[in-house]
Amino acid sequence: MDIKTILNETKCCDLIKGQVPITIDSTKSVEEGCKELVEHQFTSAPIIDKKTGKIVGMLDYRDLVAFILLVFSKDKDSQSHKIFLDYDRGAKIKYIVENGSKLSQEDENNKLSIHLLADLSTKNPTNTLLYTSPVSKAVEIFSNGIRRLLLVKEDGSLFGILSQSNVVKYLADLFPIQLPGQKNNDKKWELGEKPISLARPELNEVISIDRYSSVMDALRIMYNSAISSIAIVETMGTKKHLRGNISMTDIKEVIKNNKWRLLWYPVGNFFEEIRKMQEFDNNGIDKVPVYTVSTETSVIKVIQKLAVTKGHRIWVVTEGDNLKSVYSLTDFMKILKSELDKTE
């Protein structure tokens, strides 16, 4: 069985068996809603109006970053907010900016509600797909940069949330790294065994940030560039040496510990800080190391690393950790889409 047949015959619902999706009550405060997302370890969740049962919108870390940039920018009336004014949301944005000071107030009746953050960034729009659809349909959508889908039943009710990571995890299990002389039953994927430099020869431009720039600077660059992670580098001559990375989901450490001051830390220090915090929370296990591959690493091995680390991207480096490119889950979805587009 080849990769194309697998994607066409496997149902989306099979990839999230046993998943119990969380929903967030639209009346909860921003802090409460954010902490629910963090505590359940989801990267996104539907915000539900409990009175009507309808989905108000989705909340993900990109929406939280949009909120942080709005509320915590030092100069409220400067250029920094023009990135939000391309959309017909003037009154909503104005209200959030003017009431951002209520973020940590103890008065339960005077807090910002989480529904204000629903789809705030507009960068990852809500998409739905019938839960019994083939995975190939999800791959087509994911290859356009959409990171997650709401799987719905025939009556429109929520079945679960399917992400790019679910597809990677499923295929990593189907195509484990082979020991010398070992055969992989009846499943074949020729392109998967090739180096990523051949499977996807074009190198992605790496957007990076100097290790001494602030976390707020990193969040602003990620938001403006529509990326979810940025490389932290130290420039030596003409080379940029990888020293770490920060992703939008890393702001969960700011939220769950109410350490808003970390937003003005040098981003290199922030990376080290969250490593220490997460090592402490996970009995000394490092949860945010930097994962790298070379241009000669096979597609399957890249998938294995992404699946094991639950990462959304992996950095391509040459000797001495010289940053060369980046390989994201969306890049992987594009490779799968190219396989689906092949004619017999």
C-alpha atoms as a PDB file:
ATOM      1  CA  MET A   1       0.000   0.000   0.000  1.00  0.00           C
ATOM      2  CA  ASP A   2       1.461   3.367  -1.028  1.00  0.00           C
ATOM      3  CA  ILE A   3       1.177   6.739   0.691  1.00  0.00           C
ATOM      4  CA  LYS A   4      -1.509   8.011  -1.708  1.00  0.00           C
ATOM      5  CA  THR A   5      -3.775   5.034  -1.017  1.00  0.00           C
ATOM      6  CA  ILE A   6      -3.248   5.399   2.733  1.00  0.00           C
ATOM      7  CA  LEU A   7      -4.263   9.077   2.706  1.00  0.00           C
ATOM      8  CA  ASN A   8      -7.307   8.412   0.519  1.00  0.00           C
ATOM      9  CA  GLU A   9      -8.588   5.399   2.477  1.00  0.00           C
ATOM     10  CA  THR A  10      -7.968   6.543   6.054  1.00  0.00           C
ATOM     11  CA  LYS A  11     -10.722   8.587   7.694  1.00  0.00           C
ATOM     12  CA  CYS A  12      -9.943  11.774   9.626  1.00  0.00           C
ATOM     13  CA  CYS A  13     -11.805  10.513  12.688  1.00  0.00           C
ATOM     14  CA  ASP A  14      -9.403   7.532  12.914  1.00  0.00           C
ATOM     15  CA  LEU A  15      -6.529   9.908  13.694  1.00  0.00           C
ATOM     16  CA  ILE A  16      -8.130  11.339  16.853  1.00  0.00           C
ATOM     17  CA  LYS A  17      -9.763   8.280  18.415  1.00  0.00           C
ATOM     18  CA  GLY A  18     -10.370   8.836  22.108  1.00  0.00           C
ATOM     19  CA  GLN A  19      -9.882  12.595  21.899  1.00  0.00           C
ATOM     20  CA  VAL A  20     -12.083  14.601  24.235  1.00  0.00           C
ATOM     21  CA  PRO A  21     -11.991  18.152  22.839  1.00  0.00           C
ATOM     22  CA  ILE A  22     -12.273  20.982  25.337  1.00  0.00           C
ATOM     23  CA  THR A  23     -14.520  23.970  24.856  1.00  0.00           C
ATOM     24  CA  ILE A  24     -14.238  27.329  26.589  1.00  0.00           C
ATOM     25  CA  ASP A  25     -17.245  29.136  28.030  1.00  0.00           C
ATOM     26  CA  SER A  26     -17.532  32.521  26.287  1.00  0.00           C
ATOM     27  CA  THR A  27     -18.380  34.253  29.610  1.00  0.00           C
ATOM     28  CA  LYS A  28     -15.042  33.346  31.216  1.00  0.00           C
ATOM     29  CA  SER A  29     -12.397  36.002  31.680  1.00  0.00           C
ATOM     30  CA  VAL A  30      -9.367  36.285  29.425  1.00  0.00           C
ATOM     31  CA  GLU A  31      -7.137  34.892  32.184  1.00  0.00           C
ATOM     32  CA  GLU A  32      -9.485  31.957  32.912  1.00  0.00           C
ATOM     33  CA  GLY A  33      -9.892  31.063  29.238  1.00  0.00           C
ATOM     34  CA  CYS A  34      -6.160  31.255  28.571  1.00  0.00           C
ATOM     35  CA  LYS A  35      -5.347  29.100  31.583  1.00  0.00           C
ATOM     36  CA  GLU A  36      -7.873  26.458  30.457  1.00  0.00           C
ATOM     37  CA  LEU A  37      -6.067  26.227  27.122  1.00  0.00           C
ATOM     38  CA  VAL A  38      -2.713  25.903  28.907  1.00  0.00           C
ATOM     39  CA  GLU A  39      -3.855  23.378  31.516  1.00  0.00           C
ATOM     40  CA  HIS A  40      -5.415  21.030  28.954  1.00  0.00           C
ATOM     41  CA  GLN A  41      -2.310  21.321  26.727  1.00  0.00           C
ATOM     42  CA  PHE A  42      -4.319  22.149  23.620  1.00  0.00           C
ATOM     43  CA  THR A  43      -3.014  24.697  21.123  1.00  0.00           C
ATOM     44  CA  SER A  44      -6.553  25.767  20.215  1.00  0.00           C
ATOM     45  CA  ALA A  45     -10.124  25.323  21.418  1.00  0.00           C
ATOM     46  CA  PRO A  46     -13.628  26.437  20.393  1.00  0.00           C
ATOM     47  CA  ILE A  47     -15.219  29.216  22.446  1.00  0.00           C
ATOM     48  CA  ILE A  48     -18.851  28.260  23.052  1.00  0.00           C
ATOM     49  CA  ASP A  49     -21.880  30.376  23.922  1.00  0.00           C
ATOM     50  CA  LYS A  50     -23.386  28.107  26.581  1.00  0.00           C
ATOM     51  CA  LYS A  51     -26.847  29.637  26.163  1.00  0.00           C
ATOM     52  CA  THR A  52     -27.141  28.818  22.467  1.00  0.00           C
ATOM     53  CA  GLY A  53     -24.557  26.039  22.210  1.00  0.00           C
ATOM     54  CA  LYS A  54     -23.076  27.753  19.156  1.00  0.00           C
ATOM     55  CA  ILE A  55     -19.372  28.232  18.464  1.00  0.00           C
ATOM     56  CA  VAL A  56     -18.415  31.898  18.897  1.00  0.00           C
ATOM     57  CA  GLY A  57     -15.015  31.279  17.328  1.00  0.00           C
ATOM     58  CA  MET A  58     -11.682  29.616  17.970  1.00  0.00           C
ATOM     59  CA  LEU A  59      -9.026  30.581  20.483  1.00  0.00           C
ATOM     60  CA  ASP A  60      -5.403  29.752  19.726  1.00  0.00           C
ATOM     61  CA  TYR A  61      -2.006  31.085  20.709  1.00  0.00           C
ATOM     62  CA  ARG A  62      -1.889  33.433  17.733  1.00  0.00           C
ATOM     63  CA  ASP A  63      -4.997  35.151  19.140  1.00  0.00           C
ATOM     64  CA  LEU A  64      -3.269  35.421  22.518  1.00  0.00           C
ATOM     65  CA  VAL A  65      -0.228  36.997  20.862  1.00  0.00           C
ATOM     66  CA  ALA A  66      -2.497  39.488  19.061  1.00  0.00           C
ATOM     67  CA  PHE A  67      -4.035  40.359  22.439  1.00  0.00           C
ATOM     68  CA  ILE A  68      -0.627  40.799  24.086  1.00  0.00           C
ATOM     69  CA  LEU A  69       0.588  43.069  21.293  1.00  0.00           C
ATOM     70  CA  LEU A  70      -2.539  45.188  21.638  1.00  0.00           C
ATOM     71  CA  VAL A  71      -2.543  45.495  25.416  1.00  0.00           C
ATOM     72  CA  PHE A  72       1.140  45.563  26.302  1.00  0.00           C
ATOM     73  CA  SER A  73       2.558  47.769  23.550  1.00  0.00           C
ATOM     74  CA  LYS A  74       4.124  50.778  25.244  1.00  0.00           C
ATOM     75  CA  ASP A  75       2.826  53.292  22.707  1.00  0.00           C
ATOM     76  CA  LYS A  76      -0.883  52.611  22.228  1.00  0.00           C
ATOM     77  CA  ASP A  77      -1.399  55.184  19.472  1.00  0.00           C
ATOM     78  CA  SER A  78       1.671  54.376  17.389  1.00  0.00           C
ATOM     79  CA  GLN A  79       2.298  52.300  14.291  1.00  0.00           C
ATOM     80  CA  SER A  80       2.195  49.098  16.368  1.00  0.00           C
ATOM     81  CA  HIS A  81      -1.589  48.824  16.132  1.00  0.00           C
ATOM     82  CA  LYS A  82      -1.918  49.475  12.418  1.00  0.00           C
ATOM     83  CA  ILE A  83      -1.381  45.753  11.790  1.00  0.00           C
ATOM     84  CA  PHE A  84      -4.841  45.154  13.314  1.00  0.00           C
ATOM     85  CA  LEU A  85      -6.724  47.850  11.438  1.00  0.00           C
ATOM     86  CA  ASP A  86      -6.977  46.074   8.077  1.00  0.00           C
ATOM     87  CA  TYR A  87     -10.153  44.386   9.275  1.00  0.00           C
ATOM     88  CA  ASP A  88     -13.630  45.633  10.135  1.00  0.00           C
ATOM     89  CA  ARG A  89     -13.011  45.282  13.863  1.00  0.00           C
ATOM     90  CA  GLY A  90     -12.397  48.873  14.923  1.00  0.00           C
ATOM     91  CA  ALA A  91     -14.801  48.943  17.904  1.00  0.00           C
ATOM     92  CA  LYS A  92     -13.602  45.591  19.242  1.00  0.00           C
ATOM     93  CA  ILE A  93      -9.919  46.559  19.013  1.00  0.00           C
ATOM     94  CA  LYS A  94     -10.597  49.953  20.626  1.00  0.00           C
ATOM     95  CA  TYR A  95     -12.439  48.290  23.522  1.00  0.00           C
ATOM     96  CA  ILE A  96      -9.635  45.782  24.155  1.00  0.00           C
ATOM     97  CA  VAL A  97      -6.945  48.485  24.137  1.00  0.00           C
ATOM     98  CA  GLU A  98      -8.897  50.810  26.409  1.00  0.00           C
ATOM     99  CA  ASN A  99      -9.802  48.044  28.880  1.00  0.00           C
ATOM    100  CA  GLY A 100      -6.554  46.087  28.915  1.00  0.00           C
ATOM    101  CA  SER A 101      -5.871  47.300  32.449  1.00  0.00           C
ATOM    102  CA  LYS A 102      -8.674  45.006  33.664  1.00  0.00           C
ATOM    103  CA  LEU A 103      -6.611  41.931  32.824  1.00  0.00           C
ATOM    104  CA  SER A 104      -5.604  41.107  36.401  1.00  0.00           C
ATOM    105  CA  GLN A 105      -8.393  42.764  38.368  1.00  0.00           C
ATOM    106  CA  GLU A 106      -9.960  40.667  41.112  1.00  0.00           C
ATOM    107  CA  ASP A 107     -13.496  41.955  40.485  1.00  0.00           C
ATOM    108  CA  GLU A 108     -15.151  39.032  38.674  1.00  0.00           C
ATOM    109  CA  ASN A 109     -17.767  41.357  37.169  1.00  0.00           C
ATOM    110  CA  ASN A 110     -15.217  43.741  35.730  1.00  0.00           C
ATOM    111  CA  LYS A 111     -12.872  41.502  33.743  1.00  0.00           C
ATOM    112  CA  LEU A 112     -12.302  41.213  30.014  1.00  0.00           C
ATOM    113  CA  SER A 113     -14.265  38.261  28.574  1.00  0.00           C
ATOM    114  CA  ILE A 114     -12.495  35.577  26.579  1.00  0.00           C
ATOM    115  CA  HIS A 115     -14.949  35.857  23.672  1.00  0.00           C
ATOM    116  CA  LEU A 116     -13.191  39.104  22.712  1.00  0.00           C
ATOM    117  CA  LEU A 117     -10.152  37.036  21.706  1.00  0.00           C
ATOM    118  CA  ALA A 118     -12.067  34.622  19.442  1.00  0.00           C
ATOM    119  CA  ASP A 119     -10.359  34.659  16.024  1.00  0.00           C
ATOM    120  CA  LEU A 120      -8.738  37.982  17.005  1.00  0.00           C
ATOM    121  CA  SER A 121      -5.705  37.464  14.782  1.00  0.00           C
ATOM    122  CA  THR A 122      -7.723  36.351  11.709  1.00  0.00           C
ATOM    123  CA  LYS A 123      -4.541  34.454  10.695  1.00  0.00           C
ATOM    124  CA  ASN A 124      -5.841  30.917  11.311  1.00  0.00           C
ATOM    125  CA  PRO A 125      -9.516  30.987  10.291  1.00  0.00           C
ATOM    126  CA  THR A 126     -11.967  28.387  11.530  1.00  0.00           C
ATOM    127  CA  ASN A 127     -12.438  25.563   9.003  1.00  0.00           C
ATOM    128  CA  THR A 128     -14.736  22.574   9.332  1.00  0.00           C
ATOM    129  CA  LEU A 129     -14.678  19.141   7.719  1.00  0.00           C
ATOM    130  CA  LEU A 130     -16.977  16.129   8.005  1.00  0.00           C
ATOM    131  CA  TYR A 131     -15.385  13.721  10.491  1.00  0.00           C
ATOM    132  CA  THR A 132     -15.598  10.747   8.107  1.00  0.00           C
ATOM    133  CA  SER A 133     -13.747  12.576   5.303  1.00  0.00           C
ATOM    134  CA  PRO A 134     -10.515  10.981   4.030  1.00  0.00           C
ATOM    135  CA  VAL A 135      -7.251  12.325   5.438  1.00  0.00           C
ATOM    136  CA  SER A 136      -6.373  13.428   1.904  1.00  0.00           C
ATOM    137  CA  LYS A 137      -9.067  16.139   2.181  1.00  0.00           C
ATOM    138  CA  ALA A 138      -7.497  17.437   5.396  1.00  0.00           C
ATOM    139  CA  VAL A 139      -4.016  17.387   3.813  1.00  0.00           C
ATOM    140  CA  GLU A 140      -5.260  19.565   0.939  1.00  0.00           C
ATOM    141  CA  ILE A 141      -6.478  22.169   3.451  1.00  0.00           C
ATOM    142  CA  PHE A 142      -3.400  21.872   5.679  1.00  0.00           C
ATOM    143  CA  SER A 143      -1.077  22.403   2.692  1.00  0.00           C
ATOM    144  CA  ASN A 144      -2.460  25.956   2.427  1.00  0.00           C
ATOM    145  CA  GLY A 145      -1.155  26.808   5.883  1.00  0.00           C
ATOM    146  CA  ILE A 146      -4.280  26.020   7.919  1.00  0.00           C
ATOM    147  CA  ARG A 147      -3.039  24.320  11.091  1.00  0.00           C
ATOM    148  CA  ARG A 148      -6.192  22.748  12.509  1.00  0.00           C
ATOM    149  CA  LEU A 149      -9.700  21.716  11.497  1.00  0.00           C
ATOM    150  CA  LEU A 150     -12.932  21.275  13.407  1.00  0.00           C
ATOM    151  CA  LEU A 151     -14.279  17.825  12.566  1.00  0.00           C
ATOM    152  CA  VAL A 152     -18.070  17.893  12.682  1.00  0.00           C
ATOM    153  CA  LYS A 153     -20.794  15.256  12.578  1.00  0.00           C
ATOM    154  CA  GLU A 154     -23.624  15.220  10.037  1.00  0.00           C
ATOM    155  CA  ASP A 155     -25.785  17.364  12.345  1.00  0.00           C
ATOM    156  CA  GLY A 156     -23.041  20.002  12.621  1.00  0.00           C
ATOM    157  CA  SER A 157     -22.067  19.122  16.191  1.00  0.00           C
ATOM    158  CA  LEU A 158     -18.385  18.975  17.135  1.00  0.00           C
ATOM    159  CA  PHE A 159     -16.640  15.596  16.871  1.00  0.00           C
ATOM    160  CA  GLY A 160     -13.086  16.743  17.578  1.00  0.00           C
ATOM    161  CA  ILE A 161     -10.140  18.834  16.456  1.00  0.00           C
ATOM    162  CA  LEU A 162      -7.705  17.529  13.839  1.00  0.00           C
ATOM    163  CA  SER A 163      -4.324  19.209  13.507  1.00  0.00           C
ATOM    164  CA  GLN A 164      -1.308  18.940  11.234  1.00  0.00           C
ATOM    165  CA  SER A 165       0.458  17.254  14.159  1.00  0.00           C
ATOM    166  CA  ASN A 166      -2.132  14.456  14.219  1.00  0.00           C
ATOM    167  CA  VAL A 167      -1.316  13.612  10.592  1.00  0.00           C
ATOM    168  CA  VAL A 168       2.429  13.609  11.336  1.00  0.00           C
ATOM    169  CA  LYS A 169       1.965  11.358  14.384  1.00  0.00           C
ATOM    170  CA  TYR A 170      -0.181   8.907  12.395  1.00  0.00           C
ATOM    171  CA  LEU A 171       2.334   8.594   9.549  1.00  0.00           C
ATOM    172  CA  ALA A 172       5.279   8.381  11.950  1.00  0.00           C
ATOM    173  CA  ASP A 173       3.622   5.311  13.468  1.00  0.00           C
ATOM    174  CA  LEU A 174       3.006   3.818  10.018  1.00  0.00           C
ATOM    175  CA  PHE A 175       6.558   4.425   8.809  1.00  0.00           C
ATOM    176  CA  PRO A 176       8.933   3.821  11.727  1.00  0.00           C
ATOM    177  CA  ILE A 177      12.665   4.251  11.203  1.00  0.00           C
ATOM    178  CA  GLN A 178      13.988   0.942   9.937  1.00  0.00           C
ATOM    179  CA  LEU A 179      16.922  -0.979  11.341  1.00  0.00           C
ATOM    180  CA  PRO A 180      19.467  -2.269   8.791  1.00  0.00           C
ATOM    181  CA  GLY A 181      17.989  -5.221   6.929  1.00  0.00           C
ATOM    182  CA  GLN A 182      14.519  -4.701   8.388  1.00  0.00           C
ATOM    183  CA  LYS A 183      11.530  -4.467   6.070  1.00  0.00           C
ATOM    184  CA  ASN A 184       8.490  -2.264   6.629  1.00  0.00           C
ATOM    185  CA  ASN A 185       5.623  -4.761   5.993  1.00  0.00           C
ATOM    186  CA  ASP A 186       3.505  -3.818   2.950  1.00  0.00           C
ATOM    187  CA  LYS A 187       3.598  -0.039   3.290  1.00  0.00           C
ATOM    188  CA  LYS A 188       5.828   1.889   0.898  1.00  0.00           C
ATOM    189  CA  TRP A 189       6.798   5.529   0.608  1.00  0.00           C
ATOM    190  CA  GLU A 190       9.670   6.115  -1.776  1.00  0.00           C
ATOM    191  CA  LEU A 191       9.805   9.886  -1.345  1.00  0.00           C
ATOM    192  CA  GLY A 192       9.818   9.474   2.429  1.00  0.00           C
ATOM    193  CA  GLU A 193      13.145   7.682   2.259  1.00  0.00           C
ATOM    194  CA  LYS A 194      14.798  10.511   0.329  1.00  0.00           C
ATOM    195  CA  PRO A 195      16.714  13.439   1.906  1.00  0.00           C
ATOM    196  CA  ILE A 196      14.581  16.501   2.554  1.00  0.00           C
ATOM    197  CA  SER A 197      16.868  18.428   0.199  1.00  0.00           C
ATOM    198  CA  LEU A 198      15.514  16.258  -2.644  1.00  0.00           C
ATOM    199  CA  ALA A 199      11.917  15.962  -1.450  1.00  0.00           C
ATOM    200  CA  ARG A 200      11.632  19.733  -1.049  1.00  0.00           C
ATOM    201  CA  PRO A 201      14.694  21.268  -2.757  1.00  0.00           C
ATOM    202  CA  GLU A 202      13.739  24.917  -2.281  1.00  0.00           C
ATOM    203  CA  LEU A 203      15.161  26.290   0.980  1.00  0.00           C
ATOM    204  CA  ASN A 204      12.852  28.292   3.199  1.00  0.00           C
ATOM    205  CA  GLU A 205      14.063  31.700   4.247  1.00  0.00           C
ATOM    206  CA  VAL A 206      14.716  31.674   7.984  1.00  0.00           C
ATOM    207  CA  ILE A 207      13.322  34.610   9.923  1.00  0.00           C
ATOM    208  CA  SER A 208      15.488  35.045  13.003  1.00  0.00           C
ATOM    209  CA  ILE A 209      15.981  37.389  15.931  1.00  0.00           C
ATOM    210  CA  ASP A 210      19.098  38.420  17.827  1.00  0.00           C
ATOM    211  CA  ARG A 211      19.324  36.830  21.254  1.00  0.00           C
ATOM    212  CA  TYR A 212      19.425  40.264  22.949  1.00  0.00           C
ATOM    213  CA  SER A 213      16.139  41.512  21.418  1.00  0.00           C
ATOM    214  CA  SER A 214      13.037  41.416  23.631  1.00  0.00           C
ATOM    215  CA  VAL A 215      10.307  38.773  23.737  1.00  0.00           C
ATOM    216  CA  MET A 216       7.835  41.454  22.615  1.00  0.00           C
ATOM    217  CA  ASP A 217      10.013  42.095  19.554  1.00  0.00           C
ATOM    218  CA  ALA A 218       9.955  38.359  18.776  1.00  0.00           C
ATOM    219  CA  LEU A 219       6.156  38.159  19.150  1.00  0.00           C
ATOM    220  CA  ARG A 220       5.700  41.188  16.892  1.00  0.00           C
ATOM    221  CA  ILE A 221       7.957  39.722  14.181  1.00  0.00           C
ATOM    222  CA  MET A 222       6.144  36.361  14.327  1.00  0.00           C
ATOM    223  CA  TYR A 223       2.745  38.039  14.110  1.00  0.00           C
ATOM    224  CA  ASN A 224       3.680  40.370  11.256  1.00  0.00           C
ATOM    225  CA  SER A 225       5.420  37.565   9.337  1.00  0.00           C
ATOM    226  CA  ALA A 226       2.562  35.062   9.890  1.00  0.00           C
ATOM    227  CA  ILE A 227       4.911  32.466  11.399  1.00  0.00           C
ATOM    228  CA  SER A 228       4.521  30.537  14.643  1.00  0.00           C
ATOM    229  CA  SER A 229       8.186  30.233  15.618  1.00  0.00           C
ATOM    230  CA  ILE A 230      11.372  32.217  15.252  1.00  0.00           C
ATOM    231  CA  ALA A 231      15.026  31.219  15.530  1.00  0.00           C
ATOM    232  CA  ILE A 232      17.148  32.872  18.211  1.00  0.00           C
ATOM    233  CA  VAL A 233      20.603  33.496  16.754  1.00  0.00           C
ATOM    234  CA  GLU A 234      23.997  34.904  17.585  1.00  0.00           C
ATOM    235  CA  THR A 235      25.666  36.518  14.593  1.00  0.00           C
ATOM    236  CA  MET A 236      29.363  35.874  14.119  1.00  0.00           C
ATOM    237  CA  GLY A 237      30.713  37.443  10.969  1.00  0.00           C
ATOM    238  CA  THR A 238      28.513  36.332   8.082  1.00  0.00           C
ATOM    239  CA  LYS A 239      27.115  33.311   9.908  1.00  0.00           C
ATOM    240  CA  LYS A 240      24.092  33.047  12.156  1.00  0.00           C
ATOM    241  CA  HIS A 241      24.538  30.440  14.859  1.00  0.00           C
ATOM    242  CA  LEU A 242      21.385  28.885  16.269  1.00  0.00           C
ATOM    243  CA  ARG A 243      21.075  29.472  20.021  1.00  0.00           C
ATOM    244  CA  GLY A 244      17.450  28.515  20.570  1.00  0.00           C
ATOM    245  CA  ASN A 245      13.937  29.207  19.370  1.00  0.00           C
ATOM    246  CA  ILE A 246      10.734  30.743  20.635  1.00  0.00           C
ATOM    247  CA  SER A 247       7.241  29.887  19.462  1.00  0.00           C
ATOM    248  CA  MET A 248       3.880  31.503  20.070  1.00  0.00           C
ATOM    249  CA  THR A 249       2.906  28.634  22.368  1.00  0.00           C
ATOM    250  CA  ASP A 250       5.797  29.509  24.684  1.00  0.00           C
ATOM    251  CA  ILE A 251       3.760  32.430  26.022  1.00  0.00           C
ATOM    252  CA  LYS A 252       1.838  29.850  28.047  1.00  0.00           C
ATOM    253  CA  GLU A 253       4.677  30.131  30.564  1.00  0.00           C
ATOM    254  CA  VAL A 254       3.904  33.842  30.880  1.00  0.00           C
ATOM    255  CA  ILE A 255       0.162  33.250  31.231  1.00  0.00           C
ATOM    256  CA  LYS A 256       0.044  30.359  33.675  1.00  0.00           C
ATOM    257  CA  ASN A 257       2.540  31.994  36.030  1.00  0.00           C
ATOM    258  CA  ASN A 258       1.289  35.590  35.540  1.00  0.00           C
ATOM    259  CA  LYS A 259       4.866  36.610  34.730  1.00  0.00           C
ATOM    260  CA  TRP A 260       4.057  39.418  32.316  1.00  0.00           C
ATOM    261  CA  ARG A 261       7.453  41.010  33.042  1.00  0.00           C
ATOM    262  CA  LEU A 262       9.029  38.206  30.986  1.00  0.00           C
ATOM    263  CA  LEU A 263       7.691  39.923  27.854  1.00  0.00           C
ATOM    264  CA  TRP A 264      10.487  42.480  28.174  1.00  0.00           C
ATOM    265  CA  TYR A 265      13.256  39.929  28.805  1.00  0.00           C
ATOM    266  CA  PRO A 266      15.949  39.467  26.164  1.00  0.00           C
ATOM    267  CA  VAL A 267      14.597  36.608  24.076  1.00  0.00           C
ATOM    268  CA  GLY A 268      17.741  34.494  24.641  1.00  0.00           C
ATOM    269  CA  ASN A 269      17.262  34.800  28.422  1.00  0.00           C
ATOM    270  CA  PHE A 270      13.566  33.959  28.051  1.00  0.00           C
ATOM    271  CA  PHE A 271      14.449  30.760  26.189  1.00  0.00           C
ATOM    272  CA  GLU A 272      16.758  29.706  29.016  1.00  0.00           C
ATOM    273  CA  GLU A 273      14.158  30.709  31.625  1.00  0.00           C
ATOM    274  CA  ILE A 274      11.381  28.570  30.157  1.00  0.00           C
ATOM    275  CA  ARG A 275      13.774  25.637  29.821  1.00  0.00           C
ATOM    276  CA  LYS A 276      14.423  25.850  33.543  1.00  0.00           C
ATOM    277  CA  MET A 277      10.717  26.214  34.399  1.00  0.00           C
ATOM    278  CA  GLN A 278       9.679  23.281  32.241  1.00  0.00           C
ATOM    279  CA  GLU A 279      12.516  21.074  33.459  1.00  0.00           C
ATOM    280  CA  PHE A 280      11.307  21.748  37.018  1.00  0.00           C
ATOM    281  CA  ASP A 281       7.685  20.958  36.074  1.00  0.00           C
ATOM    282  CA  ASN A 282       8.715  17.741  34.283  1.00  0.00           C
ATOM    283  CA  ASN A 283      11.117  16.201  36.798  1.00  0.00           C
ATOM    284  CA  GLY A 284      14.227  17.455  35.077  1.00  0.00           C
ATOM    285  CA  ILE A 285      13.212  16.485  31.543  1.00  0.00           C
ATOM    286  CA  ASP A 286      14.008  19.242  29.035  1.00  0.00           C
ATOM    287  CA  LYS A 287      10.808  19.986  27.115  1.00  0.00           C
ATOM    288  CA  VAL A 288      12.083  22.837  24.946  1.00  0.00           C
ATOM    289  CA  PRO A 289      15.426  21.810  23.512  1.00  0.00           C
ATOM    290  CA  VAL A 290      16.399  22.881  20.006  1.00  0.00           C
ATOM    291  CA  TYR A 291      15.838  20.144  17.422  1.00  0.00           C
ATOM    292  CA  THR A 292      17.901  20.190  14.262  1.00  0.00           C
ATOM    293  CA  VAL A 293      18.506  18.092  11.151  1.00  0.00           C
ATOM    294  CA  SER A 294      20.829  18.304   8.162  1.00  0.00           C
ATOM    295  CA  THR A 295      19.864  18.655   4.506  1.00  0.00           C
ATOM    296  CA  GLU A 296      20.618  14.935   4.075  1.00  0.00           C
ATOM    297  CA  THR A 297      18.160  13.753   6.743  1.00  0.00           C
ATOM    298  CA  SER A 298      15.359  11.681   5.214  1.00  0.00           C
ATOM    299  CA  VAL A 299      11.759  12.871   5.206  1.00  0.00           C
ATOM    300  CA  ILE A 300      10.730   9.923   7.398  1.00  0.00           C
ATOM    301  CA  LYS A 301      13.383  10.752  10.008  1.00  0.00           C
ATOM    302  CA  VAL A 302      12.222  14.371  10.046  1.00  0.00           C
ATOM    303  CA  ILE A 303       8.664  13.147  10.601  1.00  0.00           C
ATOM    304  CA  GLN A 304       9.852  10.920  13.443  1.00  0.00           C
ATOM    305  CA  LYS A 305      11.544  13.851  15.155  1.00  0.00           C
ATOM    306  CA  LEU A 306       8.524  16.089  14.736  1.00  0.00           C
ATOM    307  CA  ALA A 307       6.219  13.383  16.107  1.00  0.00           C
ATOM    308  CA  VAL A 308       8.375  12.533  19.125  1.00  0.00           C
ATOM    309  CA  THR A 309       9.037  16.164  20.064  1.00  0.00           C
ATOM    310  CA  LYS A 310       5.497  17.309  19.196  1.00  0.00           C
ATOM    311  CA  GLY A 311       7.184  20.197  17.424  1.00  0.00           C
ATOM    312  CA  HIS A 312       5.741  22.343  14.656  1.00  0.00           C
ATOM    313  CA  ARG A 313       9.043  22.954  12.924  1.00  0.00           C
ATOM    314  CA  ILE A 314      12.607  21.713  12.845  1.00  0.00           C
ATOM    315  CA  TRP A 315      15.730  23.698  11.997  1.00  0.00           C
ATOM    316  CA  VAL A 316      18.082  22.711   9.189  1.00  0.00           C
ATOM    317  CA  VAL A 317      21.714  23.438  10.070  1.00  0.00           C
ATOM    318  CA  THR A 318      25.160  22.858   8.671  1.00  0.00           C
ATOM    319  CA  GLU A 319      28.348  22.215  10.610  1.00  0.00           C
ATOM    320  CA  GLY A 320      28.718  24.346  13.737  1.00  0.00           C
ATOM    321  CA  ASP A 321      24.961  24.944  14.073  1.00  0.00           C
ATOM    322  CA  ASN A 322      25.058  27.427  11.210  1.00  0.00           C
ATOM    323  CA  LEU A 323      21.385  28.053  10.436  1.00  0.00           C
ATOM    324  CA  LYS A 324      20.453  27.055   6.878  1.00  0.00           C
ATOM    325  CA  SER A 325      16.674  26.654   6.663  1.00  0.00           C
ATOM    326  CA  VAL A 326      13.553  25.568   8.526  1.00  0.00           C
ATOM    327  CA  TYR A 327      11.168  22.705   7.889  1.00  0.00           C
ATOM    328  CA  SER A 328       7.603  23.187   9.170  1.00  0.00           C
ATOM    329  CA  LEU A 329       4.514  21.000   9.417  1.00  0.00           C
ATOM    330  CA  THR A 330       3.017  23.000   6.546  1.00  0.00           C
ATOM    331  CA  ASP A 331       6.060  22.099   4.401  1.00  0.00           C
ATOM    332  CA  PHE A 332       5.419  18.466   5.197  1.00  0.00           C
ATOM    333  CA  MET A 333       1.742  18.854   4.228  1.00  0.00           C
ATOM    334  CA  LYS A 334       2.876  20.310   0.891  1.00  0.00           C
ATOM    335  CA  ILE A 335       5.017  17.222   0.306  1.00  0.00           C
ATOM    336  CA  LEU A 336       1.989  15.005   1.011  1.00  0.00           C
ATOM    337  CA  LYS A 337      -0.137  17.140  -1.309  1.00  0.00           C
ATOM    338  CA  SER A 338       2.442  16.651  -4.088  1.00  0.00           C
ATOM    339  CA  GLU A 339       2.127  12.892  -3.571  1.00  0.00           C
ATOM    340  CA  LEU A 340      -1.667  13.123  -3.887  1.00  0.00           C
ATOM    341  CA  ASP A 341      -1.336  15.145  -7.091  1.00  0.00           C
ATOM    342  CA  LYS A 342       0.823  12.523  -8.800  1.00  0.00           C
ATOM    343  CA  THR A 343      -0.801  10.687 -11.681  1.00  0.00           C
ATOM    344  CA  GLU A 344      -0.457   6.941 -12.013  1.00  0.00           C
END
